Amino acid sequence: MLELRPNCECCDKDLPPTARDAMICIFECTFCRECVETRLRGVCPNCGGGFTPRPIRPPDALHRHPASTVRVVAHDCPPRV
């Protein structure tokens, strides 16, 4: 089951479970679409893989399996281009 991290690891933008702009890599590294496109250029800085939109967990499943509250922020994120 996906961890559903609460923020972009690059800019620290809030990404609630219903966020349509949340993107994940195969290891669930989580970034907002803007950072993926403008800073990371589609490549995860942690694993070198690509990204896909993070699925939206249905409300009943979210109630049983809540999203993570642990914020992860990378301090070496590339600057905005």
N, C-alpha and C. Protein backbone atom coordinates (compact mmCIF):
# COMPACT_ATOMS: atom_id res chain seq x y z
N MET A 1 0.84 -1.17 0.00
CA MET A 1 0.00 0.00 0.00
C MET A 1 0.90 1.25 0.00
N LEU A 2 0.53 2.22 -0.82
CA LEU A 2 1.29 3.47 -0.91
C LEU A 2 1.27 4.22 0.42
N GLU A 3 2.38 4.88 0.71
CA GLU A 3 2.53 5.64 1.95
C GLU A 3 1.74 6.95 1.92
N LEU A 4 1.51 7.53 0.75
CA LEU A 4 0.83 8.83 0.60
C LEU A 4 1.48 9.89 1.49
N ARG A 5 2.69 10.26 1.13
CA ARG A 5 3.43 11.28 1.88
C ARG A 5 2.73 12.63 1.75
N PRO A 6 2.85 13.47 2.78
CA PRO A 6 2.03 14.69 2.85
C PRO A 6 2.58 15.93 2.14
N ASN A 7 3.76 15.81 1.51
CA ASN A 7 4.36 17.02 0.95
C ASN A 7 5.31 16.70 -0.21
N CYS A 8 5.63 17.76 -0.95
CA CYS A 8 6.64 17.66 -2.00
C CYS A 8 8.01 17.65 -1.34
N GLU A 9 8.83 16.68 -1.69
CA GLU A 9 10.16 16.57 -1.10
C GLU A 9 11.09 17.68 -1.56
N CYS A 10 10.71 18.42 -2.57
CA CYS A 10 11.56 19.49 -3.10
C CYS A 10 11.17 20.85 -2.53
N CYS A 11 9.93 21.27 -2.72
CA CYS A 11 9.50 22.61 -2.30
C CYS A 11 8.68 22.61 -1.01
N ASP A 12 8.38 21.44 -0.47
CA ASP A 12 7.61 21.26 0.76
C ASP A 12 6.14 21.68 0.62
N LYS A 13 5.64 21.77 -0.59
CA LYS A 13 4.23 22.07 -0.81
C LYS A 13 3.38 20.95 -0.21
N ASP A 14 2.28 21.31 0.43
CA ASP A 14 1.35 20.32 0.95
C ASP A 14 0.73 19.53 -0.20
N LEU A 15 0.70 18.21 -0.05
CA LEU A 15 0.09 17.32 -1.03
C LEU A 15 -0.85 16.38 -0.29
N PRO A 16 -2.06 16.84 0.01
CA PRO A 16 -3.01 15.98 0.72
C PRO A 16 -3.36 14.75 -0.13
N PRO A 17 -3.99 13.76 0.48
CA PRO A 17 -4.31 12.52 -0.25
C PRO A 17 -5.12 12.73 -1.53
N THR A 18 -5.83 13.84 -1.63
CA THR A 18 -6.65 14.12 -2.81
C THR A 18 -5.93 14.99 -3.85
N ALA A 19 -4.66 15.31 -3.62
CA ALA A 19 -3.92 16.20 -4.52
C ALA A 19 -3.79 15.58 -5.91
N ARG A 20 -4.22 16.30 -6.92
CA ARG A 20 -4.12 15.82 -8.30
C ARG A 20 -2.74 16.09 -8.90
N ASP A 21 -1.93 16.92 -8.22
CA ASP A 21 -0.61 17.24 -8.76
C ASP A 21 0.52 16.49 -8.05
N ALA A 22 0.18 15.48 -7.24
CA ALA A 22 1.20 14.67 -6.56
C ALA A 22 1.75 13.64 -7.53
N MET A 23 3.06 13.53 -7.58
CA MET A 23 3.75 12.58 -8.45
C MET A 23 4.64 11.70 -7.59
N ILE A 24 4.77 10.42 -7.97
CA ILE A 24 5.62 9.49 -7.23
C ILE A 24 6.52 8.72 -8.18
N CYS A 25 7.66 8.27 -7.64
CA CYS A 25 8.53 7.36 -8.39
C CYS A 25 8.25 5.94 -7.89
N ILE A 26 8.98 4.99 -8.35
CA ILE A 26 8.77 3.59 -7.99
C ILE A 26 9.02 3.33 -6.50
N PHE A 27 9.81 4.19 -5.85
CA PHE A 27 10.09 4.04 -4.42
C PHE A 27 9.23 4.97 -3.56
N GLU A 28 8.20 5.54 -4.15
CA GLU A 28 7.25 6.42 -3.48
C GLU A 28 7.83 7.78 -3.08
N CYS A 29 8.98 8.15 -3.64
CA CYS A 29 9.46 9.52 -3.45
C CYS A 29 8.34 10.40 -4.00
N THR A 30 8.02 11.46 -3.30
CA THR A 30 6.83 12.25 -3.64
C THR A 30 7.20 13.70 -3.93
N PHE A 31 6.73 14.19 -5.06
CA PHE A 31 7.00 15.56 -5.49
C PHE A 31 5.75 16.14 -6.14
N CYS A 32 5.65 17.46 -6.16
CA CYS A 32 4.54 18.09 -6.87
C CYS A 32 4.88 18.11 -8.36
N ARG A 33 3.86 18.19 -9.19
CA ARG A 33 4.05 18.18 -10.64
C ARG A 33 4.95 19.33 -11.10
N GLU A 34 4.82 20.50 -10.48
CA GLU A 34 5.64 21.64 -10.88
C GLU A 34 7.13 21.36 -10.68
N CYS A 35 7.50 20.80 -9.54
CA CYS A 35 8.91 20.48 -9.30
C CYS A 35 9.40 19.38 -10.23
N VAL A 36 8.56 18.37 -10.47
CA VAL A 36 8.94 17.29 -11.39
C VAL A 36 9.25 17.85 -12.77
N GLU A 37 8.42 18.78 -13.23
CA GLU A 37 8.59 19.32 -14.58
C GLU A 37 9.67 20.40 -14.67
N THR A 38 9.77 21.28 -13.67
CA THR A 38 10.68 22.42 -13.79
C THR A 38 12.02 22.23 -13.11
N ARG A 39 12.06 21.53 -12.03
CA ARG A 39 13.33 21.35 -11.31
C ARG A 39 13.99 20.01 -11.60
N LEU A 40 13.19 18.96 -11.62
CA LEU A 40 13.74 17.62 -11.72
C LEU A 40 13.76 17.09 -13.15
N ARG A 41 13.02 17.74 -14.03
CA ARG A 41 12.95 17.36 -15.44
C ARG A 41 12.60 15.89 -15.64
N GLY A 42 11.67 15.42 -14.79
CA GLY A 42 11.14 14.08 -14.95
C GLY A 42 11.99 12.95 -14.39
N VAL A 43 13.09 13.28 -13.69
CA VAL A 43 13.97 12.24 -13.16
C VAL A 43 14.06 12.38 -11.64
N CYS A 44 13.76 11.29 -10.93
CA CYS A 44 13.82 11.31 -9.47
C CYS A 44 15.26 11.50 -9.01
N PRO A 45 15.53 12.50 -8.16
CA PRO A 45 16.90 12.72 -7.70
C PRO A 45 17.38 11.64 -6.73
N ASN A 46 16.47 10.86 -6.19
CA ASN A 46 16.84 9.83 -5.22
C ASN A 46 17.18 8.50 -5.87
N CYS A 47 16.42 8.10 -6.90
CA CYS A 47 16.63 6.78 -7.49
C CYS A 47 16.95 6.82 -8.98
N GLY A 48 16.77 7.97 -9.62
CA GLY A 48 17.06 8.08 -11.05
C GLY A 48 15.94 7.61 -11.95
N GLY A 49 14.82 7.19 -11.35
CA GLY A 49 13.68 6.73 -12.13
C GLY A 49 12.76 7.86 -12.55
N GLY A 50 11.70 7.49 -13.24
CA GLY A 50 10.71 8.46 -13.69
C GLY A 50 9.57 8.60 -12.68
N PHE A 51 8.56 9.35 -13.07
CA PHE A 51 7.42 9.63 -12.20
C PHE A 51 6.11 9.25 -12.86
N THR A 52 5.13 9.04 -12.01
CA THR A 52 3.77 8.79 -12.44
C THR A 52 2.85 9.55 -11.48
N PRO A 53 1.65 9.93 -11.91
CA PRO A 53 0.73 10.58 -10.98
C PRO A 53 0.41 9.65 -9.80
N ARG A 54 0.38 10.21 -8.61
CA ARG A 54 0.04 9.40 -7.44
C ARG A 54 -1.46 9.13 -7.44
N PRO A 55 -1.87 7.89 -7.26
CA PRO A 55 -3.30 7.57 -7.25
C PRO A 55 -4.01 8.24 -6.08
N ILE A 56 -5.30 8.47 -6.24
CA ILE A 56 -6.15 9.00 -5.17
C ILE A 56 -6.76 7.81 -4.44
N ARG A 57 -6.53 7.75 -3.14
CA ARG A 57 -7.11 6.66 -2.34
C ARG A 57 -8.57 6.99 -2.03
N PRO A 58 -9.51 6.10 -2.30
CA PRO A 58 -10.92 6.35 -2.02
C PRO A 58 -11.13 6.66 -0.53
N PRO A 59 -12.12 7.51 -0.21
CA PRO A 59 -12.35 7.93 1.18
C PRO A 59 -12.50 6.79 2.18
N ASP A 60 -13.22 5.73 1.82
CA ASP A 60 -13.39 4.63 2.78
C ASP A 60 -12.06 3.91 3.04
N ALA A 61 -11.23 3.76 2.01
CA ALA A 61 -9.91 3.15 2.19
C ALA A 61 -8.98 4.09 2.95
N LEU A 62 -9.10 5.39 2.70
CA LEU A 62 -8.28 6.37 3.42
C LEU A 62 -8.60 6.36 4.91
N HIS A 63 -9.85 6.14 5.23
CA HIS A 63 -10.25 6.06 6.64
C HIS A 63 -9.60 4.84 7.31
N ARG A 64 -9.58 3.72 6.61
CA ARG A 64 -8.97 2.50 7.16
C ARG A 64 -7.45 2.53 7.12
N HIS A 65 -6.90 3.20 6.11
CA HIS A 65 -5.45 3.25 5.90
C HIS A 65 -5.06 4.71 5.66
N PRO A 66 -4.92 5.50 6.73
CA PRO A 66 -4.65 6.93 6.58
C PRO A 66 -3.30 7.23 5.92
N ALA A 67 -3.22 8.42 5.38
CA ALA A 67 -1.99 8.90 4.75
C ALA A 67 -0.93 9.16 5.83
N SER A 68 0.31 9.15 5.41
CA SER A 68 1.42 9.45 6.31
C SER A 68 1.38 10.92 6.74
N THR A 69 1.90 11.20 7.90
CA THR A 69 2.03 12.58 8.37
C THR A 69 3.50 12.98 8.46
N VAL A 70 4.40 12.08 8.10
CA VAL A 70 5.84 12.34 8.17
C VAL A 70 6.27 13.12 6.92
N ARG A 71 6.78 14.33 7.14
CA ARG A 71 7.24 15.18 6.03
C ARG A 71 8.70 14.86 5.71
N VAL A 72 8.99 14.70 4.42
CA VAL A 72 10.34 14.45 3.94
C VAL A 72 10.70 15.62 3.04
N VAL A 73 11.85 16.27 3.31
CA VAL A 73 12.28 17.40 2.49
C VAL A 73 13.75 17.20 2.12
N ALA A 74 14.04 17.23 0.83
CA ALA A 74 15.42 17.13 0.35
C ALA A 74 16.04 18.52 0.37
N HIS A 75 17.20 18.64 0.94
CA HIS A 75 17.85 19.95 1.03
C HIS A 75 18.75 20.25 -0.16
N ASP A 76 18.87 19.30 -1.08
CA ASP A 76 19.72 19.50 -2.25
C ASP A 76 18.91 19.51 -3.54
N CYS A 77 17.67 19.93 -3.46
CA CYS A 77 16.80 19.98 -4.64
C CYS A 77 17.32 21.04 -5.61
N PRO A 78 17.33 20.75 -6.90
CA PRO A 78 17.82 21.74 -7.89
C PRO A 78 16.97 23.01 -7.85
N PRO A 79 17.58 24.16 -8.17
CA PRO A 79 16.83 25.42 -8.21
C PRO A 79 15.84 25.42 -9.36
N ARG A 80 14.86 26.29 -9.26
CA ARG A 80 13.87 26.44 -10.37
C ARG A 80 14.58 26.98 -11.59
N VAL A 81 14.16 26.47 -12.74
CA VAL A 81 14.76 26.87 -14.01
C VAL A 81 13.94 27.98 -14.61
